[in-house]
C-alpha atoms as a PDB file:
ATOM      1  CA  MET A   1      13.313  -6.453  27.571  1.00  0.00           C
ATOM      2  CA  ASP A   2      11.667  -3.482  28.948  1.00  0.00           C
ATOM      3  CA  THR A   3       7.870  -3.322  28.136  1.00  0.00           C
ATOM      4  CA  THR A   4       8.332   0.467  27.423  1.00  0.00           C
ATOM      5  CA  LEU A   5      11.067  -0.201  24.757  1.00  0.00           C
ATOM      6  CA  ILE A   6       8.790  -2.990  23.196  1.00  0.00           C
ATOM      7  CA  ASN A   7       5.999  -0.457  23.076  1.00  0.00           C
ATOM      8  CA  ILE A   8       8.191   2.196  21.397  1.00  0.00           C
ATOM      9  CA  PHE A   9       9.311  -0.401  19.004  1.00  0.00           C
ATOM     10  CA  CYS A  10       5.795  -1.456  18.166  1.00  0.00           C
ATOM     11  CA  LEU A  11       4.703   2.089  17.540  1.00  0.00           C
ATOM     12  CA  ILE A  12       7.604   2.719  15.220  1.00  0.00           C
ATOM     13  CA  LEU A  13       6.572  -0.368  13.226  1.00  0.00           C
ATOM     14  CA  LEU A  14       3.014   0.661  13.039  1.00  0.00           C
ATOM     15  CA  VAL A  15       4.070   4.292  11.854  1.00  0.00           C
ATOM     16  CA  LEU A  16       6.496   2.848   9.336  1.00  0.00           C
ATOM     17  CA  GLY A  17       3.741   0.616   8.120  1.00  0.00           C
ATOM     18  CA  MET A  18       1.304   3.418   7.555  1.00  0.00           C
ATOM     19  CA  LEU A  19       4.058   5.266   5.538  1.00  0.00           C
ATOM     20  CA  GLY A  20       4.685   1.928   3.580  1.00  0.00           C
ATOM     21  CA  THR A  21       1.183   1.989   2.386  1.00  0.00           C
ATOM     22  CA  PHE A  22       2.165   4.494  -0.093  1.00  0.00           C
ATOM     23  CA  LEU A  23       5.864   4.330  -0.288  1.00  0.00           C
ATOM     24  CA  PRO A  24       6.838   1.140  -2.117  1.00  0.00           C
ATOM     25  CA  VAL A  25      10.177   0.864  -0.463  1.00  0.00           C
ATOM     26  CA  LEU A  26       8.436  -0.151   2.788  1.00  0.00           C
ATOM     27  CA  PRO A  27       6.392  -3.351   3.119  1.00  0.00           C
ATOM     28  CA  GLY A  28       3.415  -1.310   4.402  1.00  0.00           C
ATOM     29  CA  LEU A  29       0.820  -3.364   6.216  1.00  0.00           C
ATOM     30  CA  LEU A  30       3.414  -6.214   6.914  1.00  0.00           C
ATOM     31  CA  LEU A  31       5.329  -3.779   9.122  1.00  0.00           C
ATOM     32  CA  SER A  32       2.082  -2.773  10.823  1.00  0.00           C
ATOM     33  CA  LEU A  33       1.025  -6.426  11.420  1.00  0.00           C
ATOM     34  CA  CYS A  34       4.623  -7.032  12.761  1.00  0.00           C
ATOM     35  CA  GLY A  35       4.203  -4.154  15.154  1.00  0.00           C
ATOM     36  CA  LEU A  36       0.779  -5.526  16.312  1.00  0.00           C
ATOM     37  CA  LEU A  37       1.940  -9.169  16.738  1.00  0.00           C
ATOM     38  CA  ILE A  38       5.041  -7.884  18.768  1.00  0.00           C
ATOM     39  CA  TYR A  39       2.755  -5.881  20.906  1.00  0.00           C
ATOM     40  CA  LYS A  40       0.371  -8.662  21.434  1.00  0.00           C
ATOM     41  CA  PHE A  41       2.838 -11.299  22.235  1.00  0.00           C
ATOM     42  CA  GLY A  42       5.857  -9.268  23.460  1.00  0.00           C
ATOM     43  CA  THR A  43       4.094  -7.511  26.136  1.00  0.00           C
ATOM     44  CA  ASP A  44       1.412  -8.326  28.783  1.00  0.00           C
ATOM     45  CA  ALA A  45      -1.079  -6.677  26.519  1.00  0.00           C
ATOM     46  CA  ASP A  46      -4.765  -8.015  26.876  1.00  0.00           C
ATOM     47  CA  LEU A  47      -5.519  -7.261  23.221  1.00  0.00           C
ATOM     48  CA  PRO A  48      -8.007  -9.802  22.087  1.00  0.00           C
ATOM     49  CA  MET A  49      -6.919 -12.365  19.504  1.00  0.00           C
ATOM     50  CA  PHE A  50      -9.962 -11.209  17.397  1.00  0.00           C
ATOM     51  CA  TYR A  51      -8.100  -7.999  16.333  1.00  0.00           C
ATOM     52  CA  ILE A  52      -5.033 -10.138  15.380  1.00  0.00           C
ATOM     53  CA  TRP A  53      -7.230 -12.342  13.030  1.00  0.00           C
ATOM     54  CA  ILE A  54      -9.172  -9.481  11.528  1.00  0.00           C
ATOM     55  CA  PHE A  55      -6.050  -7.394  10.870  1.00  0.00           C
ATOM     56  CA  GLY A  56      -4.216 -10.505   9.459  1.00  0.00           C
ATOM     57  CA  ILE A  57      -7.093 -11.111   7.087  1.00  0.00           C
ATOM     58  CA  LEU A  58      -7.253  -7.420   6.092  1.00  0.00           C
ATOM     59  CA  THR A  59      -3.549  -7.499   5.460  1.00  0.00           C
ATOM     60  CA  VAL A  60      -3.922 -10.352   3.036  1.00  0.00           C
ATOM     61  CA  ALA A  61      -6.942  -8.698   1.337  1.00  0.00           C
ATOM     62  CA  SER A  62      -4.954  -5.548   1.089  1.00  0.00           C
ATOM     63  CA  ALA A  63      -2.083  -7.312  -0.697  1.00  0.00           C
ATOM     64  CA  VAL A  64      -4.480  -8.938  -3.123  1.00  0.00           C
ATOM     65  CA  LEU A  65      -6.365  -5.848  -3.726  1.00  0.00           C
ATOM     66  CA  ASN A  66      -3.441  -3.866  -4.639  1.00  0.00           C
ATOM     67  CA  TYR A  67      -2.911  -6.066  -7.595  1.00  0.00           C
ATOM     68  CA  VAL A  68      -6.495  -6.447  -8.558  1.00  0.00           C
ATOM     69  CA  ILE A  69      -7.863  -2.878  -8.134  1.00  0.00           C
ATOM     70  CA  PRO A  70      -5.552  -1.086 -10.406  1.00  0.00           C
ATOM     71  CA  ALA A  71      -5.865  -3.833 -13.115  1.00  0.00           C
ATOM     72  CA  LYS A  72      -9.695  -3.445 -12.822  1.00  0.00           C
ATOM     73  CA  THR A  73      -9.605   0.183 -12.982  1.00  0.00           C
ATOM     74  CA  ASN A  74      -7.124   0.450 -15.719  1.00  0.00           C
ATOM     75  CA  LYS A  75      -9.203  -1.980 -17.807  1.00  0.00           C
ATOM     76  CA  LYS A  76     -12.469  -0.099 -16.949  1.00  0.00           C
ATOM     77  CA  TYR A  77     -10.792   2.938 -18.430  1.00  0.00           C
ATOM     78  CA  GLY A  78      -9.769   1.299 -21.614  1.00  0.00           C
ATOM     79  CA  GLY A  79      -6.397   0.098 -20.695  1.00  0.00           C
ATOM     80  CA  THR A  80      -4.509  -2.902 -22.175  1.00  0.00           C
ATOM     81  CA  ARG A  81      -2.009  -5.364 -20.859  1.00  0.00           C
ATOM     82  CA  TRP A  82       0.600  -3.081 -22.529  1.00  0.00           C
ATOM     83  CA  GLY A  83      -0.270  -0.473 -20.090  1.00  0.00           C
ATOM     84  CA  SER A  84      -0.230  -2.912 -17.193  1.00  0.00           C
ATOM     85  CA  ILE A  85       3.377  -3.987 -18.164  1.00  0.00           C
ATOM     86  CA  GLY A  86       4.430  -0.266 -18.578  1.00  0.00           C
ATOM     87  CA  SER A  87       3.085   0.432 -15.096  1.00  0.00           C
ATOM     88  CA  VAL A  88       5.304  -2.178 -13.469  1.00  0.00           C
ATOM     89  CA  ILE A  89       8.371  -1.074 -15.404  1.00  0.00           C
ATOM     90  CA  GLY A  90       7.583   2.495 -14.905  1.00  0.00           C
ATOM     91  CA  THR A  91       7.191   2.052 -11.093  1.00  0.00           C
ATOM     92  CA  ILE A  92      10.611   0.288 -10.849  1.00  0.00           C
ATOM     93  CA  ALA A  93      12.330   2.813 -13.092  1.00  0.00           C
ATOM     94  CA  GLY A  94      10.702   5.765 -11.088  1.00  0.00           C
ATOM     95  CA  MET A  95      11.946   4.435  -7.929  1.00  0.00           C
ATOM     96  CA  LEU A  96      15.472   4.056  -9.158  1.00  0.00           C
ATOM     97  CA  PHE A  97      15.920   6.915 -11.538  1.00  0.00           C
ATOM     98  CA  ILE A  98      13.703   9.781 -10.176  1.00  0.00           C
ATOM     99  CA  PRO A  99      15.322  11.121  -7.106  1.00  0.00           C
ATOM    100  CA  ILE A 100      12.190  12.643  -5.525  1.00  0.00           C
ATOM    101  CA  PRO A 101       9.968  11.095  -2.939  1.00  0.00           C
ATOM    102  CA  LEU A 102       7.065  10.180  -5.154  1.00  0.00           C
ATOM    103  CA  GLY A 103       9.254   9.177  -8.158  1.00  0.00           C
ATOM    104  CA  PHE A 104       7.688   5.710  -8.296  1.00  0.00           C
ATOM    105  CA  LEU A 105       4.355   7.221  -9.002  1.00  0.00           C
ATOM    106  CA  ILE A 106       5.488   9.479 -11.833  1.00  0.00           C
ATOM    107  CA  GLY A 107       7.305   6.351 -13.160  1.00  0.00           C
ATOM    108  CA  MET A 108       4.124   4.462 -12.934  1.00  0.00           C
ATOM    109  CA  PHE A 109       2.006   6.950 -14.855  1.00  0.00           C
ATOM    110  CA  ALA A 110       4.577   7.449 -17.468  1.00  0.00           C
ATOM    111  CA  GLY A 111       4.994   3.585 -17.769  1.00  0.00           C
ATOM    112  CA  VAL A 112       1.234   3.275 -18.387  1.00  0.00           C
ATOM    113  CA  PHE A 113       0.944   6.227 -20.836  1.00  0.00           C
ATOM    114  CA  ILE A 114       3.999   4.955 -22.805  1.00  0.00           C
ATOM    115  CA  GLY A 115       2.920   1.316 -22.733  1.00  0.00           C
ATOM    116  CA  GLU A 116      -0.506   2.256 -24.174  1.00  0.00           C
ATOM    117  CA  LEU A 117       1.165   4.446 -26.757  1.00  0.00           C
ATOM    118  CA  LEU A 118       3.392   1.531 -27.825  1.00  0.00           C
ATOM    119  CA  HIS A 119       0.196  -0.672 -28.167  1.00  0.00           C
ATOM    120  CA  ASP A 120      -1.568   1.997 -30.161  1.00  0.00           C
ATOM    121  CA  SER A 121       0.365   5.042 -31.135  1.00  0.00           C
ATOM    122  CA  LYS A 122      -2.382   6.858 -32.731  1.00  0.00           C
ATOM    123  CA  ASP A 123      -4.814   6.834 -29.773  1.00  0.00           C
ATOM    124  CA  MET A 124      -3.419   9.257 -27.168  1.00  0.00           C
ATOM    125  CA  ASN A 125      -6.798   9.563 -25.612  1.00  0.00           C
ATOM    126  CA  LYS A 126      -7.020   5.994 -24.773  1.00  0.00           C
ATOM    127  CA  ALA A 127      -3.507   6.285 -23.240  1.00  0.00           C
ATOM    128  CA  LEU A 128      -4.650   9.270 -21.082  1.00  0.00           C
ATOM    129  CA  LYS A 129      -7.725   7.345 -20.040  1.00  0.00           C
ATOM    130  CA  SER A 130      -5.657   4.410 -19.115  1.00  0.00           C
ATOM    131  CA  THR A 131      -3.411   6.413 -17.042  1.00  0.00           C
ATOM    132  CA  LYS A 132      -6.343   8.067 -15.242  1.00  0.00           C
ATOM    133  CA  GLY A 133      -7.580   4.416 -14.458  1.00  0.00           C
ATOM    134  CA  ALA A 134      -4.145   3.588 -13.088  1.00  0.00           C
ATOM    135  CA  PHE A 135      -4.345   6.679 -10.973  1.00  0.00           C
ATOM    136  CA  ILE A 136      -7.793   5.770  -9.529  1.00  0.00           C
ATOM    137  CA  GLY A 137      -6.711   2.341  -8.809  1.00  0.00           C
ATOM    138  CA  PHE A 138      -3.606   3.461  -6.971  1.00  0.00           C
ATOM    139  CA  ILE A 139      -5.789   5.842  -4.997  1.00  0.00           C
ATOM    140  CA  TYR A 140      -8.340   3.081  -4.011  1.00  0.00           C
ATOM    141  CA  GLY A 141      -5.589   0.571  -3.117  1.00  0.00           C
ATOM    142  CA  THR A 142      -3.470   2.909  -0.997  1.00  0.00           C
ATOM    143  CA  GLY A 143      -6.501   4.354   0.619  1.00  0.00           C
ATOM    144  CA  PHE A 144      -7.665   0.824   1.799  1.00  0.00           C
ATOM    145  CA  SER A 145      -4.224  -0.010   2.987  1.00  0.00           C
ATOM    146  CA  PHE A 146      -3.765   3.228   4.778  1.00  0.00           C
ATOM    147  CA  VAL A 147      -7.126   2.990   6.619  1.00  0.00           C
ATOM    148  CA  VAL A 148      -6.137  -0.634   7.775  1.00  0.00           C
ATOM    149  CA  GLY A 149      -2.837   0.676   8.897  1.00  0.00           C
ATOM    150  CA  VAL A 150      -4.317   3.551  10.892  1.00  0.00           C
ATOM    151  CA  ALA A 151      -6.747   1.225  12.397  1.00  0.00           C
ATOM    152  CA  MET A 152      -4.030  -1.075  13.562  1.00  0.00           C
ATOM    153  CA  PHE A 153      -2.136   2.030  14.995  1.00  0.00           C
ATOM    154  CA  LEU A 154      -5.188   3.100  16.848  1.00  0.00           C
ATOM    155  CA  VAL A 155      -5.995  -0.319  18.260  1.00  0.00           C
ATOM    156  CA  VAL A 156      -2.679  -0.466  19.759  1.00  0.00           C
ATOM    157  CA  VAL A 157      -2.559   3.073  21.045  1.00  0.00           C
ATOM    158  CA  LEU A 158      -5.987   2.638  22.598  1.00  0.00           C
ATOM    159  CA  ASP A 159      -4.997  -0.597  24.142  1.00  0.00           C
ATOM    160  CA  MET A 160      -1.763   1.101  25.685  1.00  0.00           C
ATOM    161  CA  LEU A 161      -4.089   3.663  27.090  1.00  0.00           C
ATOM    162  CA  ASP A 162      -6.412   0.953  28.425  1.00  0.00           C
ATOM    163  CA  TYR A 163      -9.431   1.977  26.463  1.00  0.00           C
ATOM    164  CA  ILE A 164     -10.166  -1.290  24.808  1.00  0.00           C
END
């Protein structure tokens, strides 16, 4: 296969991976890592293996942190297990039933809020704090993943331009 086509395919995977860091219908950093691997092993690129190992570790760390960070921030802001369960249900419902690009996010926040209200219907302030915690956790996790995706993209582009 032509190296130019492989390079274009890799760049497409890397861009889709960056989009996937905040759109749950795409597997995010896994796409970016695939683009990086295809670039390394599918072309005659001189990209050091160091980058492959580092980005592999960061991809695994991101997957773990995407579950740990929202749970920790939710708990820090007074959230309960009910809010966490509501978050998962709301995210899925938001993806399926809210026909706008960020429907999953609206669903997640609604799920946390409703879950906390089901746990304690008299404490709306606690439900709002828990929702705030879920939002902050989402921002932290998504931000970390996006930065890793951008770094992968830049490493490949700079290597294509022979700057690395």
